[in-house]
């Protein structure tokens, strides 16, 4: 994930899943296929958040400014062009999987941001044909990356499925 990459680190806290993963490391040697499967699942889960417009905990994203919403081509939050959603990807390695985006604005949406002019005294932009002059604009956080309870269950199922498959092969 080059450029302004955004990735979040999550450690497996469930002891049973951790033991299953350690068993896989012994059985498989290279656990990249497990990490790839987990990555595919987490990317799909993240894509669903753009449909449900919720964070990993199931909380609705902050609504759009009504004046801005009236000018959008569609009513979906964080989905004007689909570029952010479509940029979500995973990068598996033998001991981790990174899920994130390389869009320059991904972190601003994930964590929220305050936009201020760099060199001018004010920001100038149009919304609905009206000129807006302001000192700053606040973007609320709208977390799309993260691990939900359902994701934790899916990760455990993937790990245990691989344990079952590789235990039988031995």
Protein backbone atom coordinates (compact mmCIF):
# COMPACT_ATOMS: atom_id res chain seq x y z
CA UNK A 1 0.00 0.00 0.00
CA UNK A 2 2.10 2.87 -1.30
CA UNK A 3 1.58 6.58 -0.85
CA UNK A 4 -0.68 7.64 1.98
CA UNK A 5 -1.41 4.10 3.07
CA UNK A 6 -3.70 3.45 5.98
CA UNK A 7 -3.54 0.18 7.82
CA UNK A 8 -4.64 -0.81 11.29
CA UNK A 9 -2.89 -3.43 13.39
CA UNK A 10 -5.02 -5.90 15.30
CA UNK A 11 -3.66 -8.69 17.46
CA UNK A 12 -5.50 -11.95 17.97
CA UNK A 13 -6.45 -12.02 21.63
CA UNK A 14 -8.45 -15.25 21.59
CA UNK A 15 -6.15 -17.94 23.02
CA UNK A 16 -7.83 -20.77 21.12
CA UNK A 17 -7.41 -18.96 17.79
CA UNK A 18 -3.81 -18.12 18.70
CA UNK A 19 -3.09 -21.79 19.48
CA UNK A 20 -4.77 -22.81 16.22
CA UNK A 21 -2.59 -20.39 14.31
CA UNK A 22 0.55 -21.64 16.06
CA UNK A 23 -0.47 -25.19 15.12
CA UNK A 24 -0.86 -24.05 11.51
CA UNK A 25 2.61 -22.56 11.56
CA UNK A 26 3.99 -25.95 12.57
CA UNK A 27 1.86 -27.87 10.05
CA UNK A 28 2.18 -25.54 7.06
CA UNK A 29 5.43 -23.70 7.54
CA UNK A 30 4.25 -20.80 5.36
CA UNK A 31 0.89 -19.51 6.59
CA UNK A 32 0.50 -17.01 3.77
CA UNK A 33 -2.56 -18.92 2.39
CA UNK A 34 -4.31 -18.51 5.77
CA UNK A 35 -3.49 -14.82 5.86
CA UNK A 36 -4.68 -14.43 2.27
CA UNK A 37 -8.02 -16.06 3.15
CA UNK A 38 -8.39 -13.80 6.19
CA UNK A 39 -7.54 -10.79 4.00
CA UNK A 40 -10.21 -11.70 1.44
CA UNK A 41 -12.78 -11.97 4.23
CA UNK A 42 -11.79 -8.64 5.80
CA UNK A 43 -11.86 -6.82 2.45
CA UNK A 44 -15.37 -8.19 1.80
CA UNK A 45 -16.46 -7.15 5.28
CA UNK A 46 -15.05 -3.67 4.76
CA UNK A 47 -16.88 -3.39 1.42
CA UNK A 48 -20.14 -4.24 3.23
CA UNK A 49 -19.59 -1.26 5.54
CA UNK A 50 -19.94 1.00 2.52
CA UNK A 51 -23.33 -0.65 1.86
CA UNK A 52 -24.54 -0.52 5.46
CA UNK A 53 -22.78 2.82 6.11
CA UNK A 54 -21.67 1.63 9.53
CA UNK A 55 -18.41 1.30 11.42
CA UNK A 56 -16.98 -2.07 12.56
CA UNK A 57 -19.04 -1.85 15.76
CA UNK A 58 -22.26 -1.41 13.76
CA UNK A 59 -22.69 2.29 14.55
CA UNK A 60 -24.06 4.43 11.72
CA UNK A 61 -21.62 6.85 10.13
CA UNK A 62 -22.22 10.54 10.79
CA UNK A 63 -24.74 11.91 8.29
CA UNK A 64 -23.69 14.18 5.46
CA UNK A 65 -24.09 17.92 5.67
CA UNK A 66 -27.58 18.46 4.14
CA UNK A 67 -26.35 21.18 1.76
CA UNK A 68 -23.58 18.90 0.51
CA UNK A 69 -25.89 15.88 0.31
CA UNK A 70 -28.21 17.83 -2.00
CA UNK A 71 -25.38 18.28 -4.52
CA UNK A 72 -24.20 14.66 -4.60
CA UNK A 73 -24.90 12.31 -7.50
CA UNK A 74 -25.99 9.65 -5.00
CA UNK A 75 -27.04 9.63 -1.37
CA UNK A 76 -24.42 7.15 -0.14
CA UNK A 77 -21.82 8.33 2.35
CA UNK A 78 -18.15 7.88 1.26
CA UNK A 79 -19.32 6.63 -2.13
CA UNK A 80 -19.33 9.55 -4.56
CA UNK A 81 -17.09 7.75 -7.07
CA UNK A 82 -16.50 4.42 -5.29
CA UNK A 83 -12.74 4.99 -5.40
CA UNK A 84 -12.23 4.69 -1.64
CA UNK A 85 -14.29 1.49 -1.41
CA UNK A 86 -12.62 0.00 -4.48
CA UNK A 87 -9.15 0.80 -3.13
CA UNK A 88 -9.57 -1.47 -0.09
CA UNK A 89 -7.09 -4.32 -0.46
CA UNK A 90 -5.15 -6.85 1.55
CA UNK A 91 -1.49 -7.77 1.64
CA UNK A 92 -0.84 -11.13 3.30
CA UNK A 93 2.51 -12.28 4.63
CA UNK A 94 3.44 -15.35 6.64
CA UNK A 95 2.51 -13.82 9.99
CA UNK A 96 0.11 -10.95 9.26
CA UNK A 97 -2.35 -9.53 6.80
CA UNK A 98 -2.63 -5.82 6.15
CA UNK A 99 -5.98 -4.47 5.06
CA UNK A 100 -6.20 -0.85 4.04
CA UNK A 101 -6.37 1.80 1.38
CA UNK A 102 -3.76 3.85 -0.42
CA UNK A 103 -6.07 6.78 -1.12
CA UNK A 104 -4.67 10.03 0.18
CA UNK A 105 -7.97 10.88 1.89
CA UNK A 106 -8.63 7.48 3.50
CA UNK A 107 -7.20 8.46 6.89
CA UNK A 108 -9.24 11.69 6.95
CA UNK A 109 -12.45 9.68 6.60
CA UNK A 110 -11.35 6.90 8.98
CA UNK A 111 -10.24 9.19 11.81
CA UNK A 112 -11.89 12.52 10.96
CA UNK A 113 -10.02 15.69 10.07
CA UNK A 114 -10.12 19.43 10.21
CA UNK A 115 -9.34 21.11 6.90
CA UNK A 116 -7.78 24.57 7.16
CA UNK A 117 -6.35 26.80 4.46
CA UNK A 118 -2.59 26.46 3.97
CA UNK A 119 -1.80 29.93 2.73
CA UNK A 120 -5.09 31.84 2.46
CA UNK A 121 -7.07 33.33 5.31
CA UNK A 122 -10.18 31.28 4.48
CA UNK A 123 -11.39 28.27 2.54
CA UNK A 124 -13.54 29.03 -0.49
CA UNK A 125 -15.77 26.45 -2.18
CA UNK A 126 -19.23 26.02 -3.63
CA UNK A 127 -22.09 23.91 -2.33
CA UNK A 128 -25.34 23.91 -4.24
CA UNK A 129 -24.29 26.90 -6.32
CA UNK A 130 -23.57 29.01 -3.25
CA UNK A 131 -20.12 30.29 -2.38
CA UNK A 132 -18.99 29.19 1.07
CA UNK A 133 -16.25 31.11 2.88
CA UNK A 134 -15.08 29.57 6.14
CA UNK A 135 -12.06 29.25 8.42
CA UNK A 136 -12.16 25.46 8.43
CA UNK A 137 -14.20 22.37 7.59
CA UNK A 138 -14.52 19.45 9.97
CA UNK A 139 -14.86 15.96 8.53
CA UNK A 140 -16.36 13.60 11.12
CA UNK A 141 -14.73 10.23 11.56
CA UNK A 142 -16.47 7.50 9.58
CA UNK A 143 -14.49 4.35 10.38
CA UNK A 144 -14.62 1.76 7.61
CA UNK A 145 -11.52 -0.26 8.58
CA UNK A 146 -11.45 -2.45 11.66
CA UNK A 147 -12.47 -5.81 13.04
CA UNK A 148 -16.11 -6.41 13.96
CA UNK A 149 -17.37 -9.21 16.19
CA UNK A 150 -18.47 -11.01 13.01
CA UNK A 151 -14.96 -10.56 11.59
CA UNK A 152 -13.46 -12.14 14.70
CA UNK A 153 -15.77 -15.13 14.26
CA UNK A 154 -14.86 -15.39 10.57
CA UNK A 155 -11.13 -15.24 11.35
CA UNK A 156 -11.51 -18.04 13.90
CA UNK A 157 -13.50 -20.15 11.40
CA UNK A 158 -10.83 -19.64 8.73
CA UNK A 159 -8.01 -20.60 11.11
CA UNK A 160 -9.83 -23.69 12.40
CA UNK A 161 -10.83 -24.71 8.86
CA UNK A 162 -7.16 -24.62 7.83
CA UNK A 163 -6.19 -26.54 10.98
CA UNK A 164 -8.73 -29.25 10.10
CA UNK A 165 -7.57 -29.44 6.48
CA UNK A 166 -3.87 -29.57 7.28
CA UNK A 167 -4.29 -31.96 10.22
CA UNK A 168 -6.05 -34.46 7.93
CA UNK A 169 -3.28 -34.22 5.32
CA UNK A 170 -0.60 -35.19 7.82
